[in-house]
All heavy atoms as atom14 arrays in JSON, in Angstrom:
{
  "sequence": "DEVNPAYILASRILWSMVFCGGIVLLINRQDQIKAVFRDRRECLLLFI",
  "atom14_mask": [
    [1, 1, 1, 1, 1, 1, 1, 1, 0, 0, 0, 0, 0, 0],
    [1, 1, 1, 1, 1, 1, 1, 1, 1, 0, 0, 0, 0, 0],
    [1, 1, 1, 1, 1, 1, 1, 0, 0, 0, 0, 0, 0, 0],
    [1, 1, 1, 1, 1, 1, 1, 1, 0, 0, 0, 0, 0, 0],
    [1, 1, 1, 1, 1, 1, 1, 0, 0, 0, 0, 0, 0, 0],
    [1, 1, 1, 1, 1, 0, 0, 0, 0, 0, 0, 0, 0, 0],
    [1, 1, 1, 1, 1, 1, 1, 1, 1, 1, 1, 1, 0, 0],
    [1, 1, 1, 1, 1, 1, 1, 1, 0, 0, 0, 0, 0, 0],
    [1, 1, 1, 1, 1, 1, 1, 1, 0, 0, 0, 0, 0, 0],
    [1, 1, 1, 1, 1, 0, 0, 0, 0, 0, 0, 0, 0, 0],
    [1, 1, 1, 1, 1, 1, 0, 0, 0, 0, 0, 0, 0, 0],
    [1, 1, 1, 1, 1, 1, 1, 1, 1, 1, 1, 0, 0, 0],
    [1, 1, 1, 1, 1, 1, 1, 1, 0, 0, 0, 0, 0, 0],
    [1, 1, 1, 1, 1, 1, 1, 1, 0, 0, 0, 0, 0, 0],
    [1, 1, 1, 1, 1, 1, 1, 1, 1, 1, 1, 1, 1, 1],
    [1, 1, 1, 1, 1, 1, 0, 0, 0, 0, 0, 0, 0, 0],
    [1, 1, 1, 1, 1, 1, 1, 1, 0, 0, 0, 0, 0, 0],
    [1, 1, 1, 1, 1, 1, 1, 0, 0, 0, 0, 0, 0, 0],
    [1, 1, 1, 1, 1, 1, 1, 1, 1, 1, 1, 0, 0, 0],
    [1, 1, 1, 1, 1, 1, 0, 0, 0, 0, 0, 0, 0, 0],
    [1, 1, 1, 1, 0, 0, 0, 0, 0, 0, 0, 0, 0, 0],
    [1, 1, 1, 1, 0, 0, 0, 0, 0, 0, 0, 0, 0, 0],
    [1, 1, 1, 1, 1, 1, 1, 1, 0, 0, 0, 0, 0, 0],
    [1, 1, 1, 1, 1, 1, 1, 0, 0, 0, 0, 0, 0, 0],
    [1, 1, 1, 1, 1, 1, 1, 1, 0, 0, 0, 0, 0, 0],
    [1, 1, 1, 1, 1, 1, 1, 1, 0, 0, 0, 0, 0, 0],
    [1, 1, 1, 1, 1, 1, 1, 1, 0, 0, 0, 0, 0, 0],
    [1, 1, 1, 1, 1, 1, 1, 1, 0, 0, 0, 0, 0, 0],
    [1, 1, 1, 1, 1, 1, 1, 1, 1, 1, 1, 0, 0, 0],
    [1, 1, 1, 1, 1, 1, 1, 1, 1, 0, 0, 0, 0, 0],
    [1, 1, 1, 1, 1, 1, 1, 1, 0, 0, 0, 0, 0, 0],
    [1, 1, 1, 1, 1, 1, 1, 1, 1, 0, 0, 0, 0, 0],
    [1, 1, 1, 1, 1, 1, 1, 1, 0, 0, 0, 0, 0, 0],
    [1, 1, 1, 1, 1, 1, 1, 1, 1, 0, 0, 0, 0, 0],
    [1, 1, 1, 1, 1, 0, 0, 0, 0, 0, 0, 0, 0, 0],
    [1, 1, 1, 1, 1, 1, 1, 0, 0, 0, 0, 0, 0, 0],
    [1, 1, 1, 1, 1, 1, 1, 1, 1, 1, 1, 0, 0, 0],
    [1, 1, 1, 1, 1, 1, 1, 1, 1, 1, 1, 0, 0, 0],
    [1, 1, 1, 1, 1, 1, 1, 1, 0, 0, 0, 0, 0, 0],
    [1, 1, 1, 1, 1, 1, 1, 1, 1, 1, 1, 0, 0, 0],
    [1, 1, 1, 1, 1, 1, 1, 1, 1, 1, 1, 0, 0, 0],
    [1, 1, 1, 1, 1, 1, 1, 1, 1, 0, 0, 0, 0, 0],
    [1, 1, 1, 1, 1, 1, 0, 0, 0, 0, 0, 0, 0, 0],
    [1, 1, 1, 1, 1, 1, 1, 1, 0, 0, 0, 0, 0, 0],
    [1, 1, 1, 1, 1, 1, 1, 1, 0, 0, 0, 0, 0, 0],
    [1, 1, 1, 1, 1, 1, 1, 1, 0, 0, 0, 0, 0, 0],
    [1, 1, 1, 1, 1, 1, 1, 1, 1, 1, 1, 0, 0, 0],
    [1, 1, 1, 1, 1, 1, 1, 1, 0, 0, 0, 0, 0, 0]
  ],
  "atom14_positions": [
    [[-91.59, 111.7, 21.64], [-90.8, 111.2, 20.53], [-89.97, 112.27, 19.83], [-89.04, 111.93, 19.05], [-91.63, 110.43, 19.52], [-92.66, 111.27, 18.8], [-92.8, 112.47, 19.11], [-93.32, 110.72, 17.88], [0.0, 0.0, 0.0], [0.0, 0.0, 0.0], [0.0, 0.0, 0.0], [0.0, 0.0, 0.0], [0.0, 0.0, 0.0], [0.0, 0.0, 0.0]],
    [[-90.22, 113.56, 20.14], [-89.34, 114.61, 19.62], [-88.06, 114.75, 20.41], [-87.13, 115.44, 19.99], [-90.12, 115.94, 19.63], [-91.37, 115.94, 18.75], [-91.05, 115.85, 17.27], [-90.07, 116.44, 16.84], [-91.77, 115.15, 16.55], [0.0, 0.0, 0.0], [0.0, 0.0, 0.0], [0.0, 0.0, 0.0], [0.0, 0.0, 0.0], [0.0, 0.0, 0.0]],
    [[-88.04, 114.13, 21.58], [-86.89, 114.23, 22.47], [-85.92, 113.05, 22.21], [-86.39, 111.91, 21.94], [-87.3, 114.24, 23.95], [-86.1, 114.37, 24.87], [-88.3, 115.4, 24.21], [0.0, 0.0, 0.0], [0.0, 0.0, 0.0], [0.0, 0.0, 0.0], [0.0, 0.0, 0.0], [0.0, 0.0, 0.0], [0.0, 0.0, 0.0], [0.0, 0.0, 0.0]],
    [[-84.65, 113.31, 22.21], [-83.65, 112.27, 22.06], [-83.86, 111.15, 23.07], [-83.94, 111.43, 24.26], [-82.25, 112.93, 22.23], [-81.09, 111.96, 22.12], [-81.18, 110.82, 22.6], [-80.07, 112.38, 21.41], [0.0, 0.0, 0.0], [0.0, 0.0, 0.0], [0.0, 0.0, 0.0], [0.0, 0.0, 0.0], [0.0, 0.0, 0.0], [0.0, 0.0, 0.0]],
    [[-83.99, 109.87, 22.63], [-84.2, 108.76, 23.54], [-83.13, 108.68, 24.64], [-83.44, 108.29, 25.75], [-84.25, 107.54, 22.64], [-84.59, 108.0, 21.33], [-84.03, 109.43, 21.21], [0.0, 0.0, 0.0], [0.0, 0.0, 0.0], [0.0, 0.0, 0.0], [0.0, 0.0, 0.0], [0.0, 0.0, 0.0], [0.0, 0.0, 0.0], [0.0, 0.0, 0.0]],
    [[-81.89, 108.98, 24.33], [-80.83, 108.93, 25.34], [-81.05, 109.98, 26.41], [-80.8, 109.77, 27.59], [-79.47, 109.09, 24.67], [0.0, 0.0, 0.0], [0.0, 0.0, 0.0], [0.0, 0.0, 0.0], [0.0, 0.0, 0.0], [0.0, 0.0, 0.0], [0.0, 0.0, 0.0], [0.0, 0.0, 0.0], [0.0, 0.0, 0.0], [0.0, 0.0, 0.0]],
    [[-81.57, 111.12, 26.01], [-81.87, 112.2, 26.98], [-83.04, 111.78, 27.86], [-83.02, 112.01, 29.12], [-82.21, 113.5, 26.28], [-82.3, 114.64, 27.2], [-81.2, 115.37, 27.63], [-83.58, 115.03, 27.73], [-81.32, 116.45, 28.53], [-83.67, 116.12, 28.63], [-82.53, 116.77, 29.01], [-82.68, 117.84, 29.88], [0.0, 0.0, 0.0], [0.0, 0.0, 0.0]],
    [[-84.04, 111.12, 27.26], [-85.16, 110.62, 28.11], [-84.66, 109.59, 29.1], [-85.04, 109.63, 30.27], [-86.28, 109.97, 27.18], [-86.88, 111.03, 26.27], [-87.31, 109.28, 28.03], [-87.78, 110.45, 25.2], [0.0, 0.0, 0.0], [0.0, 0.0, 0.0], [0.0, 0.0, 0.0], [0.0, 0.0, 0.0], [0.0, 0.0, 0.0], [0.0, 0.0, 0.0]],
    [[-83.79, 108.7, 28.65], [-83.23, 107.68, 29.52], [-82.47, 108.34, 30.67], [-82.63, 107.99, 31.81], [-82.29, 106.72, 28.75], [-81.49, 105.74, 29.61], [-82.43, 104.8, 30.37], [-80.52, 104.97, 28.74], [0.0, 0.0, 0.0], [0.0, 0.0, 0.0], [0.0, 0.0, 0.0], [0.0, 0.0, 0.0], [0.0, 0.0, 0.0], [0.0, 0.0, 0.0]],
    [[-81.57, 109.28, 30.35], [-80.83, 109.98, 31.39], [-81.72, 110.65, 32.38], [-81.51, 110.6, 33.61], [-79.84, 110.96, 30.75], [0.0, 0.0, 0.0], [0.0, 0.0, 0.0], [0.0, 0.0, 0.0], [0.0, 0.0, 0.0], [0.0, 0.0, 0.0], [0.0, 0.0, 0.0], [0.0, 0.0, 0.0], [0.0, 0.0, 0.0], [0.0, 0.0, 0.0]],
    [[-82.8, 111.25, 31.88], [-83.74, 111.91, 32.79], [-84.47, 110.91, 33.67], [-84.72, 111.12, 34.84], [-84.73, 112.73, 32.0], [-84.13, 113.79, 31.29], [0.0, 0.0, 0.0], [0.0, 0.0, 0.0], [0.0, 0.0, 0.0], [0.0, 0.0, 0.0], [0.0, 0.0, 0.0], [0.0, 0.0, 0.0], [0.0, 0.0, 0.0], [0.0, 0.0, 0.0]],
    [[-84.84, 109.79, 33.05], [-85.52, 108.72, 33.76], [-84.64, 108.19, 34.91], [-85.1, 107.95, 36.05], [-85.94, 107.59, 32.85], [-86.68, 106.47, 33.59], [-87.17, 105.4, 32.7], [-87.97, 104.43, 33.41], [-88.42, 103.28, 32.95], [-88.19, 102.99, 31.72], [-89.12, 102.49, 33.69], [0.0, 0.0, 0.0], [0.0, 0.0, 0.0], [0.0, 0.0, 0.0]],
    [[-83.4, 107.99, 34.6], [-82.43, 107.52, 35.66], [-82.36, 108.52, 36.79], [-82.46, 108.19, 37.96], [-81.05, 107.23, 35.06], [-81.12, 106.05, 34.1], [-80.0, 107.06, 36.13], [-79.88, 105.86, 33.22], [0.0, 0.0, 0.0], [0.0, 0.0, 0.0], [0.0, 0.0, 0.0], [0.0, 0.0, 0.0], [0.0, 0.0, 0.0], [0.0, 0.0, 0.0]],
    [[-82.11, 109.8, 36.43], [-81.95, 110.84, 37.45], [-83.21, 110.94, 38.29], [-83.12, 110.92, 39.54], [-81.69, 112.19, 36.75], [-81.61, 113.38, 37.72], [-80.45, 113.23, 38.69], [-81.51, 114.65, 36.9], [0.0, 0.0, 0.0], [0.0, 0.0, 0.0], [0.0, 0.0, 0.0], [0.0, 0.0, 0.0], [0.0, 0.0, 0.0], [0.0, 0.0, 0.0]],
    [[-84.39, 111.05, 37.7], [-85.6, 111.24, 38.52], [-86.05, 110.0, 39.2], [-86.67, 110.1, 40.27], [-86.72, 111.86, 37.64], [-86.36, 113.27, 37.28], [-85.97, 113.78, 36.05], [-86.23, 114.39, 38.17], [-85.62, 115.06, 36.14], [-85.79, 115.5, 37.43], [-86.46, 114.57, 39.53], [-85.6, 116.74, 37.96], [-86.24, 115.81, 40.13], [-85.84, 116.9, 39.31]],
    [[-85.73, 108.83, 38.71], [-85.96, 107.61, 39.43], [-85.14, 107.51, 40.66], [-85.61, 107.12, 41.73], [-85.7, 106.37, 38.54], [-86.58, 106.25, 37.45], [0.0, 0.0, 0.0], [0.0, 0.0, 0.0], [0.0, 0.0, 0.0], [0.0, 0.0, 0.0], [0.0, 0.0, 0.0], [0.0, 0.0, 0.0], [0.0, 0.0, 0.0], [0.0, 0.0, 0.0]],
    [[-83.87, 107.94, 40.56], [-82.94, 107.97, 41.72], [-83.52, 108.94, 42.78], [-83.56, 108.62, 43.95], [-81.55, 108.38, 41.35], [-80.56, 108.1, 42.41], [-79.6, 109.54, 43.09], [-80.21, 110.96, 42.48], [0.0, 0.0, 0.0], [0.0, 0.0, 0.0], [0.0, 0.0, 0.0], [0.0, 0.0, 0.0], [0.0, 0.0, 0.0], [0.0, 0.0, 0.0]],
    [[-83.98, 110.11, 42.36], [-84.52, 111.13, 43.31], [-85.76, 110.54, 43.98], [-85.91, 110.6, 45.19], [-84.82, 112.44, 42.59], [-85.6, 113.35, 43.45], [-83.53, 113.11, 42.1], [0.0, 0.0, 0.0], [0.0, 0.0, 0.0], [0.0, 0.0, 0.0], [0.0, 0.0, 0.0], [0.0, 0.0, 0.0], [0.0, 0.0, 0.0], [0.0, 0.0, 0.0]],
    [[-86.66, 109.97, 43.14], [-87.92, 109.47, 43.73], [-87.62, 108.28, 44.67], [-88.18, 108.26, 45.78], [-88.85, 108.99, 42.55], [-90.09, 108.39, 42.99], [-91.17, 109.2, 43.42], [-90.3, 107.01, 42.96], [-92.39, 108.62, 43.85], [-91.48, 106.45, 43.39], [-92.53, 107.25, 43.8], [0.0, 0.0, 0.0], [0.0, 0.0, 0.0], [0.0, 0.0, 0.0]],
    [[-86.81, 107.37, 44.25], [-86.46, 106.2, 45.11], [-85.69, 106.62, 46.34], [-85.89, 106.08, 47.43], [-85.65, 105.16, 44.33], [-86.61, 104.34, 43.07], [0.0, 0.0, 0.0], [0.0, 0.0, 0.0], [0.0, 0.0, 0.0], [0.0, 0.0, 0.0], [0.0, 0.0, 0.0], [0.0, 0.0, 0.0], [0.0, 0.0, 0.0], [0.0, 0.0, 0.0]],
    [[-84.84, 107.66, 46.2], [-84.18, 108.2, 47.38], [-85.17, 108.77, 48.4], [-84.99, 108.56, 49.6], [0.0, 0.0, 0.0], [0.0, 0.0, 0.0], [0.0, 0.0, 0.0], [0.0, 0.0, 0.0], [0.0, 0.0, 0.0], [0.0, 0.0, 0.0], [0.0, 0.0, 0.0], [0.0, 0.0, 0.0], [0.0, 0.0, 0.0], [0.0, 0.0, 0.0]],
    [[-86.18, 109.42, 47.89], [-87.23, 109.97, 48.78], [-87.99, 108.81, 49.48], [-88.25, 108.91, 50.74], [0.0, 0.0, 0.0], [0.0, 0.0, 0.0], [0.0, 0.0, 0.0], [0.0, 0.0, 0.0], [0.0, 0.0, 0.0], [0.0, 0.0, 0.0], [0.0, 0.0, 0.0], [0.0, 0.0, 0.0], [0.0, 0.0, 0.0], [0.0, 0.0, 0.0]],
    [[-88.24, 107.74, 48.79], [-88.93, 106.56, 49.42], [-88.0, 105.94, 50.43], [-88.45, 105.6, 51.6], [-89.32, 105.55, 48.34], [-90.49, 106.13, 47.53], [-89.72, 104.2, 48.98], [-90.94, 105.28, 46.37], [0.0, 0.0, 0.0], [0.0, 0.0, 0.0], [0.0, 0.0, 0.0], [0.0, 0.0, 0.0], [0.0, 0.0, 0.0], [0.0, 0.0, 0.0]],
    [[-86.71, 105.8, 50.13], [-85.74, 105.21, 51.1], [-85.72, 106.01, 52.33], [-85.69, 105.47, 53.47], [-84.35, 105.07, 50.47], [-83.27, 104.79, 51.5], [-84.35, 103.93, 49.4], [0.0, 0.0, 0.0], [0.0, 0.0, 0.0], [0.0, 0.0, 0.0], [0.0, 0.0, 0.0], [0.0, 0.0, 0.0], [0.0, 0.0, 0.0], [0.0, 0.0, 0.0]],
    [[-85.72, 107.34, 52.24], [-85.75, 108.25, 53.42], [-87.06, 108.11, 54.17], [-87.1, 108.0, 55.4], [-85.53, 109.66, 52.99], [-84.16, 110.04, 52.55], [-84.11, 111.5, 52.01], [-83.13, 109.93, 53.7], [0.0, 0.0, 0.0], [0.0, 0.0, 0.0], [0.0, 0.0, 0.0], [0.0, 0.0, 0.0], [0.0, 0.0, 0.0], [0.0, 0.0, 0.0]],
    [[-88.17, 108.08, 53.44], [-89.49, 107.98, 54.01], [-89.66, 106.72, 54.84], [-90.28, 106.72, 55.94], [-90.59, 108.09, 52.93], [-92.0, 108.16, 53.39], [-92.22, 109.5, 54.12], [-92.92, 108.07, 52.2], [0.0, 0.0, 0.0], [0.0, 0.0, 0.0], [0.0, 0.0, 0.0], [0.0, 0.0, 0.0], [0.0, 0.0, 0.0], [0.0, 0.0, 0.0]],
    [[-89.22, 105.59, 54.34], [-89.37, 104.3, 55.01], [-88.18, 103.94, 55.87], [-88.05, 102.85, 56.39], [-89.75, 103.15, 54.07], [-88.64, 102.95, 53.04], [-91.06, 103.41, 53.36], [-88.89, 101.75, 52.12], [0.0, 0.0, 0.0], [0.0, 0.0, 0.0], [0.0, 0.0, 0.0], [0.0, 0.0, 0.0], [0.0, 0.0, 0.0], [0.0, 0.0, 0.0]],
    [[-87.23, 104.89, 56.01], [-86.11, 104.78, 56.9], [-85.22, 103.58, 56.65], [-84.97, 102.76, 57.48], [-86.62, 104.77, 58.36], [-85.58, 105.17, 59.37], [-84.66, 105.86, 59.03], [-85.73, 104.71, 60.59], [0.0, 0.0, 0.0], [0.0, 0.0, 0.0], [0.0, 0.0, 0.0], [0.0, 0.0, 0.0], [0.0, 0.0, 0.0], [0.0, 0.0, 0.0]],
    [[-84.7, 103.53, 55.4], [-83.78, 102.46, 55.0], [-82.37, 102.94, 54.85], [-81.53, 102.29, 54.17], [-84.23, 101.85, 53.65], [-85.61, 101.19, 53.69], [-85.58, 99.84, 54.36], [-86.77, 99.08, 54.06], [-87.81, 99.11, 54.74], [-87.96, 99.9, 55.76], [-88.87, 98.33, 54.41], [0.0, 0.0, 0.0], [0.0, 0.0, 0.0], [0.0, 0.0, 0.0]],
    [[-81.97, 104.08, 55.47], [-80.69, 104.63, 55.32], [-79.58, 103.65, 55.78], [-78.51, 103.59, 55.23], [-80.53, 105.95, 56.07], [-81.41, 107.06, 55.55], [-82.77, 107.07, 56.28], [-83.38, 106.09, 56.48], [-83.2, 108.3, 56.61], [0.0, 0.0, 0.0], [0.0, 0.0, 0.0], [0.0, 0.0, 0.0], [0.0, 0.0, 0.0], [0.0, 0.0, 0.0]],
    [[-79.88, 102.92, 56.85], [-78.86, 101.93, 57.37], [-78.62, 100.86, 56.32], [-77.46, 100.38, 56.19], [-79.39, 101.28, 58.68], [-79.42, 102.26, 59.83], [-78.77, 103.28, 59.75], [-80.0, 101.89, 60.86], [0.0, 0.0, 0.0], [0.0, 0.0, 0.0], [0.0, 0.0, 0.0], [0.0, 0.0, 0.0], [0.0, 0.0, 0.0], [0.0, 0.0, 0.0]],
    [[-79.58, 100.46, 55.57], [-79.4, 99.45, 54.53], [-78.57, 99.98, 53.38], [-77.73, 99.28, 52.81], [-80.74, 98.96, 54.0], [-81.5, 98.14, 55.02], [-82.82, 97.64, 54.5], [-83.05, 97.56, 53.31], [-83.78, 97.33, 55.42], [0.0, 0.0, 0.0], [0.0, 0.0, 0.0], [0.0, 0.0, 0.0], [0.0, 0.0, 0.0], [0.0, 0.0, 0.0]],
    [[-78.68, 101.29, 53.08], [-77.87, 101.94, 52.08], [-76.41, 101.91, 52.55], [-75.53, 101.61, 51.8], [-78.33, 103.42, 51.82], [-79.75, 103.45, 51.25], [-77.33, 104.13, 50.9], [-79.89, 102.94, 49.86], [0.0, 0.0, 0.0], [0.0, 0.0, 0.0], [0.0, 0.0, 0.0], [0.0, 0.0, 0.0], [0.0, 0.0, 0.0], [0.0, 0.0, 0.0]],
    [[-76.18, 102.29, 53.81], [-74.8, 102.26, 54.37], [-74.25, 100.84, 54.32], [-73.06, 100.63, 53.98], [-74.82, 102.75, 55.79], [-75.1, 104.24, 55.93], [-75.19, 104.69, 57.4], [-75.69, 106.08, 57.49], [-76.0, 106.48, 58.89], [0.0, 0.0, 0.0], [0.0, 0.0, 0.0], [0.0, 0.0, 0.0], [0.0, 0.0, 0.0], [0.0, 0.0, 0.0]],
    [[-75.08, 99.82, 54.62], [-74.62, 98.44, 54.54], [-74.19, 98.06, 53.13], [-73.22, 97.32, 52.95], [-75.72, 97.49, 55.09], [0.0, 0.0, 0.0], [0.0, 0.0, 0.0], [0.0, 0.0, 0.0], [0.0, 0.0, 0.0], [0.0, 0.0, 0.0], [0.0, 0.0, 0.0], [0.0, 0.0, 0.0], [0.0, 0.0, 0.0], [0.0, 0.0, 0.0]],
    [[-74.92, 98.53, 52.1], [-74.56, 98.23, 50.75], [-73.18, 98.82, 50.45], [-72.35, 98.16, 49.85], [-75.61, 98.81, 49.73], [-75.09, 98.73, 48.3], [-76.93, 98.04, 49.89], [0.0, 0.0, 0.0], [0.0, 0.0, 0.0], [0.0, 0.0, 0.0], [0.0, 0.0, 0.0], [0.0, 0.0, 0.0], [0.0, 0.0, 0.0], [0.0, 0.0, 0.0]],
    [[-72.92, 100.05, 50.88], [-71.61, 100.68, 50.61], [-70.43, 99.95, 51.26], [-69.34, 100.01, 50.84], [-71.64, 102.16, 51.01], [-72.26, 103.02, 49.98], [-73.48, 103.65, 50.3], [-71.72, 103.22, 48.74], [-74.1, 104.46, 49.36], [-72.35, 103.99, 47.81], [-73.54, 104.66, 48.12], [0.0, 0.0, 0.0], [0.0, 0.0, 0.0], [0.0, 0.0, 0.0]],
    [[-70.74, 99.21, 52.39], [-69.73, 98.44, 53.09], [-69.45, 97.06, 52.44], [-68.51, 96.42, 52.75], [-70.07, 98.27, 54.52], [-69.93, 99.58, 55.35], [-70.11, 99.29, 56.85], [-71.37, 98.76, 57.23], [-72.43, 99.51, 57.6], [-72.32, 100.82, 57.65], [-73.55, 98.92, 57.93], [0.0, 0.0, 0.0], [0.0, 0.0, 0.0], [0.0, 0.0, 0.0]],
    [[-70.36, 96.67, 51.57], [-70.31, 95.32, 50.94], [-69.91, 95.48, 49.49], [-70.75, 95.77, 48.63], [-71.62, 94.6, 51.12], [-71.67, 93.18, 50.63], [-70.75, 92.81, 49.82], [-72.62, 92.45, 50.98], [0.0, 0.0, 0.0], [0.0, 0.0, 0.0], [0.0, 0.0, 0.0], [0.0, 0.0, 0.0], [0.0, 0.0, 0.0], [0.0, 0.0, 0.0]],
    [[-68.61, 95.21, 49.2], [-68.13, 95.45, 47.81], [-68.87, 94.59, 46.8], [-69.16, 95.07, 45.7], [-66.61, 95.13, 47.74], [-65.76, 96.13, 48.37], [-64.33, 95.75, 48.18], [-63.54, 96.97, 48.06], [-62.33, 96.99, 47.62], [-61.76, 95.88, 47.23], [-61.72, 98.12, 47.5], [0.0, 0.0, 0.0], [0.0, 0.0, 0.0], [0.0, 0.0, 0.0]],
    [[-69.13, 93.31, 47.15], [-69.8, 92.43, 46.2], [-71.19, 92.96, 45.85], [-71.62, 93.01, 44.72], [-69.92, 91.03, 46.81], [-70.57, 90.05, 45.84], [-70.75, 88.7, 46.51], [-71.36, 87.71, 45.61], [-72.65, 87.68, 45.38], [-73.51, 88.49, 45.97], [-73.15, 86.75, 44.54], [0.0, 0.0, 0.0], [0.0, 0.0, 0.0], [0.0, 0.0, 0.0]],
    [[-71.95, 93.42, 46.92], [-73.27, 93.9, 46.74], [-73.24, 95.22, 45.89], [-74.05, 95.38, 44.98], [-73.91, 94.17, 48.08], [-75.37, 94.59, 48.0], [-76.39, 93.45, 47.8], [-75.89, 92.34, 47.52], [-77.55, 93.73, 47.88], [0.0, 0.0, 0.0], [0.0, 0.0, 0.0], [0.0, 0.0, 0.0], [0.0, 0.0, 0.0], [0.0, 0.0, 0.0]],
    [[-72.26, 96.04, 46.18], [-72.12, 97.3, 45.38], [-71.85, 96.96, 43.91], [-72.5, 97.59, 43.04], [-70.94, 98.1, 45.86], [-71.41, 99.42, 46.98], [0.0, 0.0, 0.0], [0.0, 0.0, 0.0], [0.0, 0.0, 0.0], [0.0, 0.0, 0.0], [0.0, 0.0, 0.0], [0.0, 0.0, 0.0], [0.0, 0.0, 0.0], [0.0, 0.0, 0.0]],
    [[-70.94, 96.07, 43.67], [-70.65, 95.69, 42.29], [-71.88, 95.1, 41.58], [-72.18, 95.42, 40.47], [-69.49, 94.71, 42.21], [-69.07, 94.22, 40.85], [-68.6, 95.37, 39.96], [-67.98, 93.18, 40.91], [0.0, 0.0, 0.0], [0.0, 0.0, 0.0], [0.0, 0.0, 0.0], [0.0, 0.0, 0.0], [0.0, 0.0, 0.0], [0.0, 0.0, 0.0]],
    [[-72.51, 94.21, 42.31], [-73.75, 93.56, 41.74], [-74.81, 94.64, 41.4], [-75.42, 94.55, 40.3], [-74.26, 92.52, 42.73], [-75.23, 91.5, 42.2], [-74.69, 90.78, 41.01], [-75.53, 90.47, 43.33], [0.0, 0.0, 0.0], [0.0, 0.0, 0.0], [0.0, 0.0, 0.0], [0.0, 0.0, 0.0], [0.0, 0.0, 0.0], [0.0, 0.0, 0.0]],
    [[-75.03, 95.58, 42.29], [-76.03, 96.59, 42.05], [-75.59, 97.55, 40.91], [-76.4, 98.04, 40.15], [-76.34, 97.38, 43.31], [-77.15, 96.57, 44.33], [-77.17, 97.26, 45.65], [-78.54, 96.26, 43.87], [0.0, 0.0, 0.0], [0.0, 0.0, 0.0], [0.0, 0.0, 0.0], [0.0, 0.0, 0.0], [0.0, 0.0, 0.0], [0.0, 0.0, 0.0]],
    [[-74.27, 97.74, 40.78], [-73.79, 98.55, 39.66], [-74.07, 97.85, 38.34], [-74.55, 98.45, 37.37], [-72.29, 98.82, 39.83], [-71.66, 99.59, 38.7], [-71.87, 100.98, 38.67], [-70.93, 99.01, 37.71], [-71.33, 101.76, 37.64], [-70.39, 99.78, 36.65], [-70.58, 101.11, 36.64], [0.0, 0.0, 0.0], [0.0, 0.0, 0.0], [0.0, 0.0, 0.0]],
    [[-73.78, 96.58, 38.26], [-74.07, 95.79, 37.08], [-75.56, 95.75, 36.78], [-76.03, 95.88, 35.65], [-73.47, 94.37, 37.16], [-71.96, 94.45, 37.23], [-73.88, 93.54, 35.93], [-71.28, 93.15, 37.62], [0.0, 0.0, 0.0], [0.0, 0.0, 0.0], [0.0, 0.0, 0.0], [0.0, 0.0, 0.0], [0.0, 0.0, 0.0], [0.0, 0.0, 0.0]]
  ]
}
């Protein structure tokens, strides 16, 4: 609670991405990541 909540959020986003990226690599889902980047609608939906 001494830390700025926005900073905690930013850190949570960053480290969640790193952790999830590790899982995606571990379970070999890189092709699905590439497929998302080829699908504009899916990219936009995941951005939202």
